[in-house]
């Protein structure tokens, strides 16, 4: 019996996707990143690293949840890969 192989994206790739989605959703909802950092109780500098194109900082599940609440969006929207 053949075993199906599951391919996972790397942690770094997922961090970039989440950071990009945070940046995009905040922009679409006209949410200032400084205010967003306050809402989720992190420094603006840390948020800048999260939303950078390099995705330098990792996020806990709880942090992703806090971003979803602060941006009034779903967890799924934050982890969704764009369809380019």
PDB file of N, CA and C in Angstrom:
ATOM      1  N   UNK A   1       0.852  -1.177   0.000  1.00  0.00           N
ATOM      2  CA  UNK A   1       0.000   0.000   0.000  1.00  0.00           C
ATOM      3  C   UNK A   1       0.898   1.240   0.000  1.00  0.00           C
ATOM      4  N   UNK A   2       0.648   2.159  -0.914  1.00  0.00           N
ATOM      5  CA  UNK A   2       1.445   3.377  -1.032  1.00  0.00           C
ATOM      6  C   UNK A   2       1.022   4.389   0.036  1.00  0.00           C
ATOM      7  N   UNK A   3       2.006   5.076   0.556  1.00  0.00           N
ATOM      8  CA  UNK A   3       1.743   6.110   1.547  1.00  0.00           C
ATOM      9  C   UNK A   3       1.824   7.458   0.839  1.00  0.00           C
ATOM     10  N   UNK A   4       0.770   8.262   1.001  1.00  0.00           N
ATOM     11  CA  UNK A   4       0.775   9.593   0.409  1.00  0.00           C
ATOM     12  C   UNK A   4       1.780  10.466   1.141  1.00  0.00           C
ATOM     13  N   UNK A   5       2.543  11.203   0.378  1.00  0.00           N
ATOM     14  CA  UNK A   5       3.515  12.116   0.954  1.00  0.00           C
ATOM     15  C   UNK A   5       2.901  13.496   1.051  1.00  0.00           C
ATOM     16  N   UNK A   6       3.064  14.097   2.197  1.00  0.00           N
ATOM     17  CA  UNK A   6       2.553  15.452   2.415  1.00  0.00           C
ATOM     18  C   UNK A   6       3.739  16.399   2.349  1.00  0.00           C
ATOM     19  N   UNK A   7       3.568  17.463   1.598  1.00  0.00           N
ATOM     20  CA  UNK A   7       4.615  18.470   1.503  1.00  0.00           C
ATOM     21  C   UNK A   7       4.176  19.697   2.285  1.00  0.00           C
ATOM     22  N   UNK A   8       5.016  20.111   3.200  1.00  0.00           N
ATOM     23  CA  UNK A   8       4.736  21.286   4.011  1.00  0.00           C
ATOM     24  C   UNK A   8       5.625  22.433   3.558  1.00  0.00           C
ATOM     25  N   UNK A   9       5.102  23.651   3.644  1.00  0.00           N
ATOM     26  CA  UNK A   9       5.959  24.798   3.382  1.00  0.00           C
ATOM     27  C   UNK A   9       6.848  25.001   4.603  1.00  0.00           C
ATOM     28  N   UNK A  10       7.924  25.711   4.412  1.00  0.00           N
ATOM     29  CA  UNK A  10       8.832  25.955   5.532  1.00  0.00           C
ATOM     30  C   UNK A  10       8.215  26.974   6.495  1.00  0.00           C
ATOM     31  N   UNK A  11       8.725  26.981   7.699  1.00  0.00           N
ATOM     32  CA  UNK A  11       8.281  27.941   8.709  1.00  0.00           C
ATOM     33  C   UNK A  11       8.515  29.367   8.211  1.00  0.00           C
ATOM     34  N   UNK A  12       9.651  29.582   7.554  1.00  0.00           N
ATOM     35  CA  UNK A  12       9.983  30.910   7.028  1.00  0.00           C
ATOM     36  C   UNK A  12       8.990  31.351   5.959  1.00  0.00           C
ATOM     37  N   UNK A  13       8.601  30.422   5.082  1.00  0.00           N
ATOM     38  CA  UNK A  13       7.618  30.749   4.045  1.00  0.00           C
ATOM     39  C   UNK A  13       6.281  31.145   4.674  1.00  0.00           C
ATOM     40  N   UNK A  14       5.857  30.390   5.676  1.00  0.00           N
ATOM     41  CA  UNK A  14       4.589  30.686   6.342  1.00  0.00           C
ATOM     42  C   UNK A  14       4.655  32.043   7.038  1.00  0.00           C
ATOM     43  N   UNK A  15       5.782  32.345   7.677  1.00  0.00           N
ATOM     44  CA  UNK A  15       5.955  33.642   8.334  1.00  0.00           C
ATOM     45  C   UNK A  15       5.840  34.778   7.327  1.00  0.00           C
ATOM     46  N   UNK A  16       6.432  34.606   6.141  1.00  0.00           N
ATOM     47  CA  UNK A  16       6.345  35.633   5.097  1.00  0.00           C
ATOM     48  C   UNK A  16       4.907  35.818   4.636  1.00  0.00           C
ATOM     49  N   UNK A  17       4.181  34.727   4.483  1.00  0.00           N
ATOM     50  CA  UNK A  17       2.776  34.800   4.054  1.00  0.00           C
ATOM     51  C   UNK A  17       1.952  35.548   5.094  1.00  0.00           C
ATOM     52  N   UNK A  18       2.100  35.181   6.360  1.00  0.00           N
ATOM     53  CA  UNK A  18       1.328  35.828   7.419  1.00  0.00           C
ATOM     54  C   UNK A  18       1.693  37.309   7.513  1.00  0.00           C
ATOM     55  N   UNK A  19       2.971  37.621   7.497  1.00  0.00           N
ATOM     56  CA  UNK A  19       3.403  39.025   7.553  1.00  0.00           C
ATOM     57  C   UNK A  19       2.860  39.825   6.383  1.00  0.00           C
ATOM     58  N   UNK A  20       2.911  39.243   5.192  1.00  0.00           N
ATOM     59  CA  UNK A  20       2.375  39.917   4.010  1.00  0.00           C
ATOM     60  C   UNK A  20       0.881  40.133   4.105  1.00  0.00           C
ATOM     61  N   UNK A  21       0.180  39.138   4.638  1.00  0.00           N
ATOM     62  CA  UNK A  21      -1.279  39.268   4.785  1.00  0.00           C
ATOM     63  C   UNK A  21      -1.638  40.302   5.845  1.00  0.00           C
ATOM     64  N   UNK A  22      -0.879  40.358   6.914  1.00  0.00           N
ATOM     65  CA  UNK A  22      -1.116  41.390   7.936  1.00  0.00           C
ATOM     66  C   UNK A  22      -0.954  42.763   7.303  1.00  0.00           C
ATOM     67  N   UNK A  23       0.135  42.938   6.554  1.00  0.00           N
ATOM     68  CA  UNK A  23       0.410  44.225   5.892  1.00  0.00           C
ATOM     69  C   UNK A  23      -0.722  44.579   4.916  1.00  0.00           C
ATOM     70  N   UNK A  24      -1.124  43.613   4.087  1.00  0.00           N
ATOM     71  CA  UNK A  24      -2.154  43.839   3.070  1.00  0.00           C
ATOM     72  C   UNK A  24      -3.513  44.162   3.695  1.00  0.00           C
ATOM     73  N   UNK A  25      -3.914  43.388   4.683  1.00  0.00           N
ATOM     74  CA  UNK A  25      -5.221  43.597   5.317  1.00  0.00           C
ATOM     75  C   UNK A  25      -5.245  44.918   6.074  1.00  0.00           C
ATOM     76  N   UNK A  26      -4.156  45.228   6.764  1.00  0.00           N
ATOM     77  CA  UNK A  26      -4.081  46.516   7.473  1.00  0.00           C
ATOM     78  C   UNK A  26      -4.214  47.664   6.475  1.00  0.00           C
ATOM     79  N   UNK A  27      -3.539  47.559   5.338  1.00  0.00           N
ATOM     80  CA  UNK A  27      -3.614  48.599   4.305  1.00  0.00           C
ATOM     81  C   UNK A  27      -5.042  48.722   3.770  1.00  0.00           C
ATOM     82  N   UNK A  28      -5.651  47.579   3.445  1.00  0.00           N
ATOM     83  CA  UNK A  28      -7.019  47.575   2.899  1.00  0.00           C
ATOM     84  C   UNK A  28      -8.023  48.168   3.881  1.00  0.00           C
ATOM     85  N   UNK A  29      -7.796  47.960   5.163  1.00  0.00           N
ATOM     86  CA  UNK A  29      -8.718  48.457   6.189  1.00  0.00           C
ATOM     87  C   UNK A  29      -8.279  49.805   6.747  1.00  0.00           C
ATOM     88  N   UNK A  30      -7.243  50.366   6.133  1.00  0.00           N
ATOM     89  CA  UNK A  30      -6.731  51.678   6.535  1.00  0.00           C
ATOM     90  C   UNK A  30      -6.344  51.697   8.024  1.00  0.00           C
ATOM     91  N   UNK A  31      -5.670  50.630   8.454  1.00  0.00           N
ATOM     92  CA  UNK A  31      -5.220  50.515   9.836  1.00  0.00           C
ATOM     93  C   UNK A  31      -3.743  50.895   9.891  1.00  0.00           C
ATOM     94  N   UNK A  32      -3.429  51.895  10.664  1.00  0.00           N
ATOM     95  CA  UNK A  32      -2.061  52.364  10.859  1.00  0.00           C
ATOM     96  C   UNK A  32      -1.266  51.289  11.592  1.00  0.00           C
ATOM     97  N   UNK A  33      -0.070  50.975  11.086  1.00  0.00           N
ATOM     98  CA  UNK A  33       0.730  49.918  11.702  1.00  0.00           C
ATOM     99  C   UNK A  33       1.142  50.241  13.138  1.00  0.00           C
ATOM    100  N   UNK A  34       1.347  51.504  13.430  1.00  0.00           N
ATOM    101  CA  UNK A  34       1.705  51.871  14.803  1.00  0.00           C
ATOM    102  C   UNK A  34       0.535  51.561  15.745  1.00  0.00           C
ATOM    103  N   UNK A  35      -0.680  51.889  15.311  1.00  0.00           N
ATOM    104  CA  UNK A  35      -1.865  51.590  16.122  1.00  0.00           C
ATOM    105  C   UNK A  35      -2.081  50.082  16.235  1.00  0.00           C
ATOM    106  N   UNK A  36      -1.821  49.373  15.136  1.00  0.00           N
ATOM    107  CA  UNK A  36      -1.972  47.918  15.157  1.00  0.00           C
ATOM    108  C   UNK A  36      -1.000  47.301  16.158  1.00  0.00           C
ATOM    109  N   UNK A  37       0.220  47.770  16.176  1.00  0.00           N
ATOM    110  CA  UNK A  37       1.206  47.258  17.133  1.00  0.00           C
ATOM    111  C   UNK A  37       0.716  47.476  18.558  1.00  0.00           C
ATOM    112  N   UNK A  38       0.145  48.648  18.822  1.00  0.00           N
ATOM    113  CA  UNK A  38      -0.422  48.927  20.155  1.00  0.00           C
ATOM    114  C   UNK A  38      -1.531  47.947  20.498  1.00  0.00           C
ATOM    115  N   UNK A  39      -2.426  47.717  19.525  1.00  0.00           N
ATOM    116  CA  UNK A  39      -3.572  46.827  19.767  1.00  0.00           C
ATOM    117  C   UNK A  39      -3.146  45.407  20.120  1.00  0.00           C
ATOM    118  N   UNK A  40      -2.080  44.924  19.476  1.00  0.00           N
ATOM    119  CA  UNK A  40      -1.650  43.547  19.740  1.00  0.00           C
ATOM    120  C   UNK A  40      -0.523  43.476  20.767  1.00  0.00           C
ATOM    121  N   UNK A  41      -0.198  44.641  21.356  1.00  0.00           N
ATOM    122  CA  UNK A  41       0.759  44.727  22.451  1.00  0.00           C
ATOM    123  C   UNK A  41       2.159  44.261  22.071  1.00  0.00           C
ATOM    124  N   UNK A  42       2.637  44.778  20.919  1.00  0.00           N
ATOM    125  CA  UNK A  42       4.013  44.542  20.511  1.00  0.00           C
ATOM    126  C   UNK A  42       4.606  45.890  20.093  1.00  0.00           C
ATOM    127  N   UNK A  43       5.902  45.950  19.965  1.00  0.00           N
ATOM    128  CA  UNK A  43       6.519  47.206  19.539  1.00  0.00           C
ATOM    129  C   UNK A  43       6.313  47.401  18.035  1.00  0.00           C
ATOM    130  N   UNK A  44       6.309  48.648  17.654  1.00  0.00           N
ATOM    131  CA  UNK A  44       6.189  48.987  16.235  1.00  0.00           C
ATOM    132  C   UNK A  44       7.359  48.389  15.455  1.00  0.00           C
ATOM    133  N   UNK A  45       8.538  48.433  16.036  1.00  0.00           N
ATOM    134  CA  UNK A  45       9.732  47.873  15.381  1.00  0.00           C
ATOM    135  C   UNK A  45       9.563  46.382  15.126  1.00  0.00           C
ATOM    136  N   UNK A  46       9.031  45.668  16.102  1.00  0.00           N
ATOM    137  CA  UNK A  46       8.801  44.226  15.949  1.00  0.00           C
ATOM    138  C   UNK A  46       7.779  43.978  14.843  1.00  0.00           C
ATOM    139  N   UNK A  47       6.712  44.773  14.811  1.00  0.00           N
ATOM    140  CA  UNK A  47       5.700  44.627  13.759  1.00  0.00           C
ATOM    141  C   UNK A  47       6.314  44.895  12.393  1.00  0.00           C
ATOM    142  N   UNK A  48       7.175  45.891  12.300  1.00  0.00           N
ATOM    143  CA  UNK A  48       7.837  46.183  11.020  1.00  0.00           C
ATOM    144  C   UNK A  48       8.630  44.973  10.534  1.00  0.00           C
ATOM    145  N   UNK A  49       9.257  44.253  11.445  1.00  0.00           N
ATOM    146  CA  UNK A  49       9.992  43.044  11.061  1.00  0.00           C
ATOM    147  C   UNK A  49       9.034  41.931  10.629  1.00  0.00           C
ATOM    148  N   UNK A  50       7.897  41.828  11.276  1.00  0.00           N
ATOM    149  CA  UNK A  50       6.913  40.806  10.916  1.00  0.00           C
ATOM    150  C   UNK A  50       6.391  41.032   9.502  1.00  0.00           C
ATOM    151  N   UNK A  51       6.074  42.268   9.171  1.00  0.00           N
ATOM    152  CA  UNK A  51       5.450  42.558   7.873  1.00  0.00           C
ATOM    153  C   UNK A  51       6.471  42.843   6.772  1.00  0.00           C
ATOM    154  N   UNK A  52       7.754  42.779   7.095  1.00  0.00           N
ATOM    155  CA  UNK A  52       8.769  43.001   6.054  1.00  0.00           C
ATOM    156  C   UNK A  52       8.713  41.860   5.048  1.00  0.00           C
ATOM    157  N   UNK A  53       9.215  42.110   3.871  1.00  0.00           N
ATOM    158  CA  UNK A  53       9.200  41.093   2.823  1.00  0.00           C
ATOM    159  C   UNK A  53      10.082  39.905   3.155  1.00  0.00           C
ATOM    160  N   UNK A  54      10.977  40.087   4.107  1.00  0.00           N
ATOM    161  CA  UNK A  54      11.881  39.004   4.487  1.00  0.00           C
ATOM    162  C   UNK A  54      11.286  38.124   5.585  1.00  0.00           C
ATOM    163  N   UNK A  55      10.263  38.605   6.276  1.00  0.00           N
ATOM    164  CA  UNK A  55       9.611  37.810   7.311  1.00  0.00           C
ATOM    165  C   UNK A  55      10.553  37.348   8.394  1.00  0.00           C
ATOM    166  N   UNK A  56      11.310  38.281   8.970  1.00  0.00           N
ATOM    167  CA  UNK A  56      12.350  37.945   9.941  1.00  0.00           C
ATOM    168  C   UNK A  56      11.853  37.351  11.247  1.00  0.00           C
ATOM    169  N   UNK A  57      10.711  37.738  11.701  1.00  0.00           N
ATOM    170  CA  UNK A  57      10.276  37.355  13.046  1.00  0.00           C
ATOM    171  C   UNK A  57       9.213  36.270  12.989  1.00  0.00           C
ATOM    172  N   UNK A  58       9.331  35.328  13.894  1.00  0.00           N
ATOM    173  CA  UNK A  58       8.320  34.282  13.959  1.00  0.00           C
ATOM    174  C   UNK A  58       7.192  34.725  14.880  1.00  0.00           C
ATOM    175  N   UNK A  59       6.057  34.118  14.681  1.00  0.00           N
ATOM    176  CA  UNK A  59       4.858  34.478  15.439  1.00  0.00           C
ATOM    177  C   UNK A  59       4.300  33.248  16.139  1.00  0.00           C
ATOM    178  N   UNK A  60       3.811  33.458  17.326  1.00  0.00           N
ATOM    179  CA  UNK A  60       3.129  32.375  18.021  1.00  0.00           C
ATOM    180  C   UNK A  60       1.698  32.283  17.491  1.00  0.00           C
ATOM    181  N   UNK A  61       1.078  31.179  17.745  1.00  0.00           N
ATOM    182  CA  UNK A  61      -0.321  31.005  17.372  1.00  0.00           C
ATOM    183  C   UNK A  61      -1.182  32.075  18.043  1.00  0.00           C
ATOM    184  N   UNK A  62      -0.857  32.388  19.279  1.00  0.00           N
ATOM    185  CA  UNK A  62      -1.610  33.405  20.006  1.00  0.00           C
ATOM    186  C   UNK A  62      -1.453  34.775  19.349  1.00  0.00           C
ATOM    187  N   UNK A  63      -0.248  35.093  18.882  1.00  0.00           N
ATOM    188  CA  UNK A  63      -0.033  36.376  18.201  1.00  0.00           C
ATOM    189  C   UNK A  63      -0.848  36.458  16.920  1.00  0.00           C
ATOM    190  N   UNK A  64      -0.892  35.383  16.156  1.00  0.00           N
ATOM    191  CA  UNK A  64      -1.695  35.377  14.920  1.00  0.00           C
ATOM    192  C   UNK A  64      -3.164  35.584  15.272  1.00  0.00           C
ATOM    193  N   UNK A  65      -3.612  34.950  16.338  1.00  0.00           N
ATOM    194  CA  UNK A  65      -4.988  35.146  16.809  1.00  0.00           C
ATOM    195  C   UNK A  65      -5.235  36.619  17.154  1.00  0.00           C
ATOM    196  N   UNK A  66      -4.299  37.244  17.879  1.00  0.00           N
ATOM    197  CA  UNK A  66      -4.457  38.645  18.255  1.00  0.00           C
ATOM    198  C   UNK A  66      -4.508  39.553  17.023  1.00  0.00           C
ATOM    199  N   UNK A  67      -3.703  39.260  16.016  1.00  0.00           N
ATOM    200  CA  UNK A  67      -3.773  40.035  14.765  1.00  0.00           C
ATOM    201  C   UNK A  67      -5.117  39.843  14.092  1.00  0.00           C
ATOM    202  N   UNK A  68      -5.644  38.637  14.096  1.00  0.00           N
ATOM    203  CA  UNK A  68      -6.946  38.400  13.452  1.00  0.00           C
ATOM    204  C   UNK A  68      -8.046  39.193  14.150  1.00  0.00           C
ATOM    205  N   UNK A  69      -7.999  39.269  15.468  1.00  0.00           N
ATOM    206  CA  UNK A  69      -9.001  40.047  16.213  1.00  0.00           C
ATOM    207  C   UNK A  69      -8.806  41.540  15.951  1.00  0.00           C
ATOM    208  N   UNK A  70      -7.568  42.016  16.042  1.00  0.00           N
ATOM    209  CA  UNK A  70      -7.282  43.440  15.863  1.00  0.00           C
ATOM    210  C   UNK A  70      -7.642  43.923  14.454  1.00  0.00           C
ATOM    211  N   UNK A  71      -7.495  43.035  13.463  1.00  0.00           N
ATOM    212  CA  UNK A  71      -7.805  43.412  12.080  1.00  0.00           C
ATOM    213  C   UNK A  71      -9.210  42.995  11.663  1.00  0.00           C
ATOM    214  N   UNK A  72      -9.969  42.431  12.598  1.00  0.00           N
ATOM    215  CA  UNK A  72     -11.332  41.982  12.322  1.00  0.00           C
ATOM    216  C   UNK A  72     -11.365  41.096  11.082  1.00  0.00           C
ATOM    217  N   UNK A  73     -10.522  40.075  11.109  1.00  0.00           N
ATOM    218  CA  UNK A  73     -10.448  39.125  10.009  1.00  0.00           C
ATOM    219  C   UNK A  73     -10.349  37.725  10.596  1.00  0.00           C
ATOM    220  N   UNK A  74     -10.255  36.739   9.749  1.00  0.00           N
ATOM    221  CA  UNK A  74     -10.171  35.366  10.229  1.00  0.00           C
ATOM    222  C   UNK A  74      -8.727  34.886  10.240  1.00  0.00           C
ATOM    223  N   UNK A  75      -8.497  33.895  11.042  1.00  0.00           N
ATOM    224  CA  UNK A  75      -7.194  33.238  11.080  1.00  0.00           C
ATOM    225  C   UNK A  75      -6.851  32.727   9.682  1.00  0.00           C
ATOM    226  N   UNK A  76      -7.852  32.153   9.009  1.00  0.00           N
ATOM    227  CA  UNK A  76      -7.651  31.618   7.661  1.00  0.00           C
ATOM    228  C   UNK A  76      -7.144  32.679   6.689  1.00  0.00           C
ATOM    229  N   UNK A  77      -7.674  33.888   6.798  1.00  0.00           N
ATOM    230  CA  UNK A  77      -7.239  34.972   5.902  1.00  0.00           C
ATOM    231  C   UNK A  77      -5.780  35.343   6.156  1.00  0.00           C
ATOM    232  N   UNK A  78      -5.341  35.221   7.378  1.00  0.00           N
ATOM    233  CA  UNK A  78      -3.953  35.565   7.697  1.00  0.00           C
ATOM    234  C   UNK A  78      -2.961  34.519   7.213  1.00  0.00           C
ATOM    235  N   UNK A  79      -3.392  33.281   7.095  1.00  0.00           N
ATOM    236  CA  UNK A  79      -2.458  32.232   6.658  1.00  0.00           C
ATOM    237  C   UNK A  79      -2.654  31.849   5.194  1.00  0.00           C
ATOM    238  N   UNK A  80      -3.605  32.486   4.523  1.00  0.00           N
ATOM    239  CA  UNK A  80      -3.920  32.143   3.137  1.00  0.00           C
ATOM    240  C   UNK A  80      -2.810  32.578   2.193  1.00  0.00           C
ATOM    241  N   UNK A  81      -2.415  31.636   1.344  1.00  0.00           N
ATOM    242  CA  UNK A  81      -1.430  31.935   0.315  1.00  0.00           C
ATOM    243  C   UNK A  81      -2.098  32.687  -0.810  1.00  0.00           C
ATOM    244  N   UNK A  82      -1.434  33.739  -1.307  1.00  0.00           N
ATOM    245  CA  UNK A  82      -2.007  34.488  -2.422  1.00  0.00           C
ATOM    246  C   UNK A  82      -1.957  33.641  -3.679  1.00  0.00           C
ATOM    247  N   UNK A  83      -2.844  33.945  -4.581  1.00  0.00           N
ATOM    248  CA  UNK A  83      -2.959  33.147  -5.799  1.00  0.00           C
ATOM    249  C   UNK A  83      -2.286  33.836  -6.972  1.00  0.00           C
ATOM    250  N   UNK A  84      -0.960  34.000  -6.926  1.00  0.00           N
ATOM    251  CA  UNK A  84      -0.260  34.591  -8.063  1.00  0.00           C
ATOM    252  C   UNK A  84       0.079  33.477  -9.023  1.00  0.00           C
TER     253      UNK A  84
END
